[in-house]
Amino acid sequence: MAAALGKPKSTVHSWSVRGSVPDDAKAEIIAKSDELGFGVELADFYPALRPSS
């Protein structure tokens, strides 16, 4: 994903370790994941938005 976003691996890794992605990167991640078929959506960043099952 780092390469697809044009970000250093260390940046994306730090998001993973921290468990948080900066708000200004989320739209780009969602768009790029759609292009690549990963299916990331806004609720992946905000678990409270996920419907209860």
N, C-alpha and C. Protein backbone atom coordinates (compact mmCIF):
# COMPACT_ATOMS: atom_id res chain seq x y z
N MET A 1 0.83 -1.19 0.00
CA MET A 1 0.00 0.00 0.00
C MET A 1 0.87 1.24 0.00
N ALA A 2 2.00 1.21 0.69
CA ALA A 2 2.88 2.38 0.71
C ALA A 2 3.29 2.79 -0.70
N ALA A 3 3.70 1.83 -1.50
CA ALA A 3 4.12 2.13 -2.87
C ALA A 3 2.95 2.68 -3.68
N ALA A 4 1.78 2.10 -3.51
CA ALA A 4 0.60 2.55 -4.25
C ALA A 4 0.23 3.99 -3.89
N LEU A 5 0.48 4.35 -2.64
CA LEU A 5 0.17 5.71 -2.18
C LEU A 5 1.30 6.69 -2.44
N GLY A 6 2.47 6.14 -2.80
CA GLY A 6 3.63 7.01 -2.99
C GLY A 6 4.18 7.52 -1.68
N LYS A 7 3.98 6.74 -0.62
CA LYS A 7 4.46 7.11 0.72
C LYS A 7 5.60 6.18 1.12
N PRO A 8 6.51 6.64 1.95
CA PRO A 8 7.55 5.74 2.45
C PRO A 8 6.93 4.60 3.27
N LYS A 9 7.54 3.42 3.17
CA LYS A 9 7.05 2.29 3.94
C LYS A 9 7.03 2.61 5.43
N SER A 10 8.01 3.36 5.88
CA SER A 10 8.09 3.70 7.30
C SER A 10 6.89 4.52 7.75
N THR A 11 6.36 5.35 6.87
CA THR A 11 5.17 6.16 7.20
C THR A 11 3.95 5.27 7.39
N VAL A 12 3.71 4.40 6.43
CA VAL A 12 2.55 3.52 6.50
C VAL A 12 2.71 2.54 7.68
N HIS A 13 3.92 2.07 7.90
CA HIS A 13 4.18 1.18 9.04
C HIS A 13 3.87 1.90 10.35
N SER A 14 4.26 3.16 10.46
CA SER A 14 3.99 3.89 11.70
C SER A 14 2.50 4.05 11.94
N TRP A 15 1.72 4.20 10.85
CA TRP A 15 0.26 4.26 11.01
C TRP A 15 -0.24 2.95 11.59
N SER A 16 0.29 1.85 11.09
CA SER A 16 -0.13 0.53 11.56
C SER A 16 0.23 0.32 13.03
N VAL A 17 1.45 0.65 13.38
CA VAL A 17 1.91 0.49 14.76
C VAL A 17 1.09 1.36 15.69
N ARG A 18 0.83 2.58 15.27
CA ARG A 18 0.07 3.53 16.08
C ARG A 18 -1.41 3.17 16.13
N GLY A 19 -1.87 2.43 15.12
CA GLY A 19 -3.28 2.07 15.07
C GLY A 19 -4.15 3.24 14.63
N SER A 20 -3.55 4.17 13.89
CA SER A 20 -4.26 5.37 13.48
C SER A 20 -3.68 5.89 12.17
N VAL A 21 -4.57 6.31 11.30
CA VAL A 21 -4.18 6.90 10.02
C VAL A 21 -4.60 8.37 10.06
N PRO A 22 -3.73 9.28 9.64
CA PRO A 22 -4.12 10.69 9.63
C PRO A 22 -5.37 10.92 8.77
N ASP A 23 -6.23 11.79 9.25
CA ASP A 23 -7.48 12.06 8.53
C ASP A 23 -7.24 12.48 7.09
N ASP A 24 -6.18 13.25 6.84
CA ASP A 24 -5.95 13.74 5.49
C ASP A 24 -5.47 12.65 4.52
N ALA A 25 -5.18 11.47 5.02
CA ALA A 25 -4.74 10.35 4.16
C ALA A 25 -5.86 9.35 3.90
N LYS A 26 -6.93 9.41 4.65
CA LYS A 26 -7.97 8.38 4.57
C LYS A 26 -8.68 8.33 3.21
N ALA A 27 -9.04 9.46 2.65
CA ALA A 27 -9.73 9.47 1.35
C ALA A 27 -8.84 8.86 0.27
N GLU A 28 -7.56 9.20 0.29
CA GLU A 28 -6.63 8.65 -0.70
C GLU A 28 -6.49 7.14 -0.53
N ILE A 29 -6.46 6.68 0.69
CA ILE A 29 -6.35 5.23 0.96
C ILE A 29 -7.59 4.51 0.45
N ILE A 30 -8.76 5.07 0.72
CA ILE A 30 -10.01 4.45 0.25
C ILE A 30 -10.03 4.39 -1.28
N ALA A 31 -9.68 5.49 -1.93
CA ALA A 31 -9.68 5.52 -3.39
C ALA A 31 -8.68 4.54 -3.98
N LYS A 32 -7.47 4.51 -3.43
CA LYS A 32 -6.44 3.61 -3.95
C LYS A 32 -6.82 2.16 -3.68
N SER A 33 -7.41 1.88 -2.54
CA SER A 33 -7.80 0.50 -2.23
C SER A 33 -8.90 0.02 -3.18
N ASP A 34 -9.79 0.94 -3.59
CA ASP A 34 -10.82 0.58 -4.57
C ASP A 34 -10.16 0.21 -5.90
N GLU A 35 -9.18 1.02 -6.32
CA GLU A 35 -8.46 0.73 -7.56
C GLU A 35 -7.79 -0.64 -7.52
N LEU A 36 -7.25 -0.99 -6.35
CA LEU A 36 -6.50 -2.24 -6.20
C LEU A 36 -7.36 -3.42 -5.77
N GLY A 37 -8.64 -3.17 -5.50
CA GLY A 37 -9.56 -4.24 -5.12
C GLY A 37 -9.47 -4.68 -3.67
N PHE A 38 -8.99 -3.80 -2.79
CA PHE A 38 -8.88 -4.16 -1.37
C PHE A 38 -10.16 -3.91 -0.60
N GLY A 39 -10.99 -3.00 -1.06
CA GLY A 39 -12.27 -2.75 -0.42
C GLY A 39 -12.20 -2.08 0.94
N VAL A 40 -11.25 -1.19 1.15
CA VAL A 40 -11.22 -0.42 2.40
C VAL A 40 -12.33 0.61 2.32
N GLU A 41 -13.03 0.79 3.43
CA GLU A 41 -14.11 1.78 3.47
C GLU A 41 -13.99 2.63 4.72
N LEU A 42 -14.73 3.71 4.77
CA LEU A 42 -14.63 4.66 5.88
C LEU A 42 -14.81 3.99 7.23
N ALA A 43 -15.71 3.03 7.32
CA ALA A 43 -15.96 2.34 8.59
C ALA A 43 -14.73 1.57 9.08
N ASP A 44 -13.80 1.26 8.19
CA ASP A 44 -12.57 0.60 8.62
C ASP A 44 -11.72 1.53 9.49
N PHE A 45 -11.88 2.82 9.32
CA PHE A 45 -11.16 3.79 10.13
C PHE A 45 -11.93 4.20 11.37
N TYR A 46 -13.24 4.01 11.34
CA TYR A 46 -14.13 4.39 12.44
C TYR A 46 -15.02 3.21 12.78
N PRO A 47 -14.54 2.29 13.60
CA PRO A 47 -15.31 1.07 13.91
C PRO A 47 -16.72 1.34 14.44
N ALA A 48 -16.94 2.47 15.07
CA ALA A 48 -18.28 2.78 15.59
C ALA A 48 -19.30 2.94 14.45
N LEU A 49 -18.83 3.16 13.24
CA LEU A 49 -19.74 3.30 12.10
C LEU A 49 -20.20 1.97 11.54
N ARG A 50 -19.55 0.89 11.96
CA ARG A 50 -19.91 -0.44 11.45
C ARG A 50 -21.27 -0.84 12.01
N PRO A 51 -22.15 -1.36 11.15
CA PRO A 51 -23.45 -1.82 11.65
C PRO A 51 -23.27 -3.02 12.58
N SER A 52 -24.08 -3.06 13.59
CA SER A 52 -24.06 -4.20 14.51
C SER A 52 -24.66 -5.40 13.81
N SER A 53 -24.08 -6.58 14.10
CA SER A 53 -24.65 -7.77 13.47
C SER A 53 -25.43 -8.59 14.46
